[in-house]
Amino acid sequence: MDKDAVVVEYLKIYFSSHPEKIPEDSEKAFELFQKLHKKYKNKFLSDYRQKSEKYVDRFFDDKDGNKYL
């Protein structure tokens, strides 16, 4: 799944749970959606990057030689 699609799903869940947070003005709502999309996407990417780095570090630091288990 594309990172943008994952973030959009997070936003759908958030705003379906909190419909009162959506502004009445369409321009303000659009700006809010863009701001939150960028925020969640950056968080998603940083989390993914950290998990990938931990996996690679663990893979190369494995002293037993069981790299594929």
N, C-alpha and C. Protein backbone atom coordinates (compact mmCIF):
# COMPACT_ATOMS: atom_id res chain seq x y z
N MET A 1 0.85 -1.17 0.00
CA MET A 1 0.00 0.00 0.00
C MET A 1 0.89 1.24 0.00
N ASP A 2 0.51 2.19 -0.75
CA ASP A 2 1.24 3.44 -0.87
C ASP A 2 1.18 4.22 0.44
N LYS A 3 2.26 4.91 0.77
CA LYS A 3 2.31 5.68 2.03
C LYS A 3 1.23 6.75 2.08
N ASP A 4 0.92 7.36 0.96
CA ASP A 4 -0.14 8.38 0.94
C ASP A 4 -1.50 7.75 1.22
N ALA A 5 -1.73 6.55 0.69
CA ALA A 5 -3.00 5.87 0.92
C ALA A 5 -3.16 5.48 2.39
N VAL A 6 -2.07 5.08 3.02
CA VAL A 6 -2.11 4.73 4.43
C VAL A 6 -2.45 5.96 5.26
N VAL A 7 -1.82 7.07 4.96
CA VAL A 7 -2.08 8.31 5.69
C VAL A 7 -3.52 8.77 5.47
N VAL A 8 -4.03 8.65 4.28
CA VAL A 8 -5.42 9.03 4.00
C VAL A 8 -6.37 8.16 4.82
N GLU A 9 -6.07 6.89 4.96
CA GLU A 9 -6.91 6.02 5.79
C GLU A 9 -6.88 6.45 7.25
N TYR A 10 -5.70 6.84 7.75
CA TYR A 10 -5.62 7.36 9.11
C TYR A 10 -6.49 8.60 9.27
N LEU A 11 -6.43 9.49 8.30
CA LEU A 11 -7.23 10.72 8.37
C LEU A 11 -8.73 10.42 8.28
N LYS A 12 -9.11 9.45 7.47
CA LYS A 12 -10.52 9.07 7.38
C LYS A 12 -11.02 8.57 8.73
N ILE A 13 -10.23 7.74 9.37
CA ILE A 13 -10.62 7.20 10.68
C ILE A 13 -10.70 8.33 11.69
N TYR A 14 -9.71 9.21 11.70
CA TYR A 14 -9.68 10.31 12.65
C TYR A 14 -10.90 11.22 12.49
N PHE A 15 -11.19 11.64 11.27
CA PHE A 15 -12.28 12.58 11.06
C PHE A 15 -13.66 11.91 11.14
N SER A 16 -13.74 10.62 10.92
CA SER A 16 -15.02 9.96 11.14
C SER A 16 -15.29 9.81 12.63
N SER A 17 -14.24 9.75 13.44
CA SER A 17 -14.38 9.69 14.88
C SER A 17 -14.60 11.06 15.50
N HIS A 18 -14.09 12.11 14.85
CA HIS A 18 -14.18 13.48 15.36
C HIS A 18 -14.70 14.43 14.27
N PRO A 19 -15.95 14.29 13.87
CA PRO A 19 -16.46 15.16 12.80
C PRO A 19 -16.56 16.63 13.22
N GLU A 20 -16.61 16.89 14.50
CA GLU A 20 -16.71 18.28 14.97
C GLU A 20 -15.41 19.06 14.73
N LYS A 21 -14.32 18.39 14.45
CA LYS A 21 -13.03 19.05 14.23
C LYS A 21 -12.90 19.61 12.81
N ILE A 22 -13.81 19.26 11.93
CA ILE A 22 -13.75 19.74 10.55
C ILE A 22 -14.38 21.14 10.50
N PRO A 23 -13.63 22.14 10.05
CA PRO A 23 -14.19 23.51 9.96
C PRO A 23 -15.30 23.60 8.93
N GLU A 24 -16.20 24.54 9.14
CA GLU A 24 -17.31 24.76 8.20
C GLU A 24 -16.83 25.34 6.87
N ASP A 25 -15.84 26.23 6.94
CA ASP A 25 -15.29 26.85 5.73
C ASP A 25 -14.49 25.81 4.95
N SER A 26 -14.78 25.67 3.67
CA SER A 26 -14.12 24.64 2.87
C SER A 26 -12.63 24.90 2.70
N GLU A 27 -12.23 26.16 2.60
CA GLU A 27 -10.81 26.48 2.46
C GLU A 27 -10.03 26.11 3.72
N LYS A 28 -10.60 26.44 4.88
CA LYS A 28 -9.95 26.09 6.14
C LYS A 28 -9.90 24.58 6.33
N ALA A 29 -10.95 23.89 5.92
CA ALA A 29 -10.97 22.43 6.02
C ALA A 29 -9.90 21.82 5.12
N PHE A 30 -9.77 22.35 3.91
CA PHE A 30 -8.75 21.85 2.99
C PHE A 30 -7.35 22.07 3.55
N GLU A 31 -7.10 23.25 4.11
CA GLU A 31 -5.80 23.54 4.71
C GLU A 31 -5.52 22.61 5.89
N LEU A 32 -6.54 22.34 6.69
CA LEU A 32 -6.38 21.42 7.82
C LEU A 32 -6.05 20.02 7.32
N PHE A 33 -6.74 19.56 6.28
CA PHE A 33 -6.47 18.24 5.72
C PHE A 33 -5.04 18.15 5.20
N GLN A 34 -4.60 19.18 4.49
CA GLN A 34 -3.23 19.19 3.97
C GLN A 34 -2.20 19.17 5.09
N LYS A 35 -2.43 19.98 6.11
CA LYS A 35 -1.50 20.07 7.23
C LYS A 35 -1.39 18.73 7.96
N LEU A 36 -2.54 18.12 8.24
CA LEU A 36 -2.52 16.83 8.94
C LEU A 36 -1.95 15.72 8.06
N HIS A 37 -2.22 15.77 6.76
CA HIS A 37 -1.67 14.76 5.85
C HIS A 37 -0.15 14.82 5.86
N LYS A 38 0.39 16.03 5.78
CA LYS A 38 1.84 16.20 5.80
C LYS A 38 2.42 15.73 7.13
N LYS A 39 1.77 16.07 8.23
CA LYS A 39 2.24 15.68 9.56
C LYS A 39 2.26 14.16 9.71
N TYR A 40 1.14 13.51 9.36
CA TYR A 40 1.07 12.06 9.50
C TYR A 40 2.01 11.35 8.54
N LYS A 41 2.18 11.88 7.34
CA LYS A 41 3.08 11.26 6.38
C LYS A 41 4.52 11.31 6.87
N ASN A 42 4.93 12.46 7.42
CA ASN A 42 6.28 12.57 7.96
C ASN A 42 6.48 11.62 9.13
N LYS A 43 5.48 11.51 10.00
CA LYS A 43 5.55 10.59 11.13
C LYS A 43 5.63 9.15 10.65
N PHE A 44 4.81 8.81 9.67
CA PHE A 44 4.80 7.47 9.10
C PHE A 44 6.16 7.12 8.50
N LEU A 45 6.72 8.06 7.74
CA LEU A 45 8.02 7.81 7.11
C LEU A 45 9.14 7.69 8.13
N SER A 46 9.12 8.53 9.16
CA SER A 46 10.17 8.44 10.18
C SER A 46 10.07 7.14 10.95
N ASP A 47 8.85 6.69 11.27
CA ASP A 47 8.69 5.41 11.95
C ASP A 47 9.17 4.26 11.08
N TYR A 48 8.82 4.30 9.81
CA TYR A 48 9.24 3.26 8.88
C TYR A 48 10.77 3.24 8.74
N ARG A 49 11.37 4.42 8.67
CA ARG A 49 12.82 4.52 8.56
C ARG A 49 13.50 3.94 9.79
N GLN A 50 12.98 4.24 10.97
CA GLN A 50 13.57 3.71 12.21
C GLN A 50 13.45 2.20 12.27
N LYS A 51 12.30 1.67 11.89
CA LYS A 51 12.12 0.22 11.90
C LYS A 51 13.06 -0.45 10.90
N SER A 52 13.22 0.15 9.74
CA SER A 52 14.12 -0.41 8.74
C SER A 52 15.57 -0.39 9.22
N GLU A 53 15.98 0.72 9.84
CA GLU A 53 17.35 0.82 10.35
C GLU A 53 17.59 -0.20 11.45
N LYS A 54 16.63 -0.40 12.32
CA LYS A 54 16.78 -1.39 13.39
C LYS A 54 16.90 -2.79 12.80
N TYR A 55 16.11 -3.09 11.78
CA TYR A 55 16.18 -4.40 11.15
C TYR A 55 17.54 -4.62 10.50
N VAL A 56 18.01 -3.63 9.77
CA VAL A 56 19.31 -3.76 9.10
C VAL A 56 20.43 -3.89 10.12
N ASP A 57 20.38 -3.09 11.17
CA ASP A 57 21.40 -3.18 12.22
C ASP A 57 21.39 -4.56 12.87
N ARG A 58 20.22 -5.06 13.17
CA ARG A 58 20.12 -6.38 13.78
C ARG A 58 20.60 -7.46 12.82
N PHE A 59 20.31 -7.30 11.54
CA PHE A 59 20.74 -8.27 10.53
C PHE A 59 22.25 -8.34 10.45
N PHE A 60 22.92 -7.19 10.41
CA PHE A 60 24.37 -7.18 10.25
C PHE A 60 25.12 -7.39 11.55
N ASP A 61 24.49 -7.16 12.68
CA ASP A 61 25.14 -7.37 13.97
C ASP A 61 24.94 -8.77 14.52
N ASP A 62 24.23 -9.61 13.79
CA ASP A 62 23.97 -10.98 14.24
C ASP A 62 25.28 -11.76 14.27
N LYS A 63 25.68 -12.16 15.45
CA LYS A 63 26.97 -12.87 15.63
C LYS A 63 26.84 -14.36 15.38
N ASP A 64 25.63 -14.92 15.48
CA ASP A 64 25.46 -16.37 15.35
C ASP A 64 25.45 -16.84 13.91
N GLY A 65 25.26 -15.96 13.00
CA GLY A 65 25.20 -16.33 11.60
C GLY A 65 23.82 -16.77 11.15
N ASN A 66 22.83 -16.63 11.99
CA ASN A 66 21.44 -16.99 11.64
C ASN A 66 20.73 -15.77 11.07
N LYS A 67 21.20 -15.30 9.96
CA LYS A 67 20.69 -14.06 9.41
C LYS A 67 19.30 -14.21 8.78
N TYR A 68 18.92 -15.39 8.37
CA TYR A 68 17.67 -15.53 7.65
C TYR A 68 16.60 -16.24 8.46
N LEU A 69 16.80 -16.35 9.76
CA LEU A 69 15.77 -17.01 10.60
C LEU A 69 14.82 -16.01 11.17
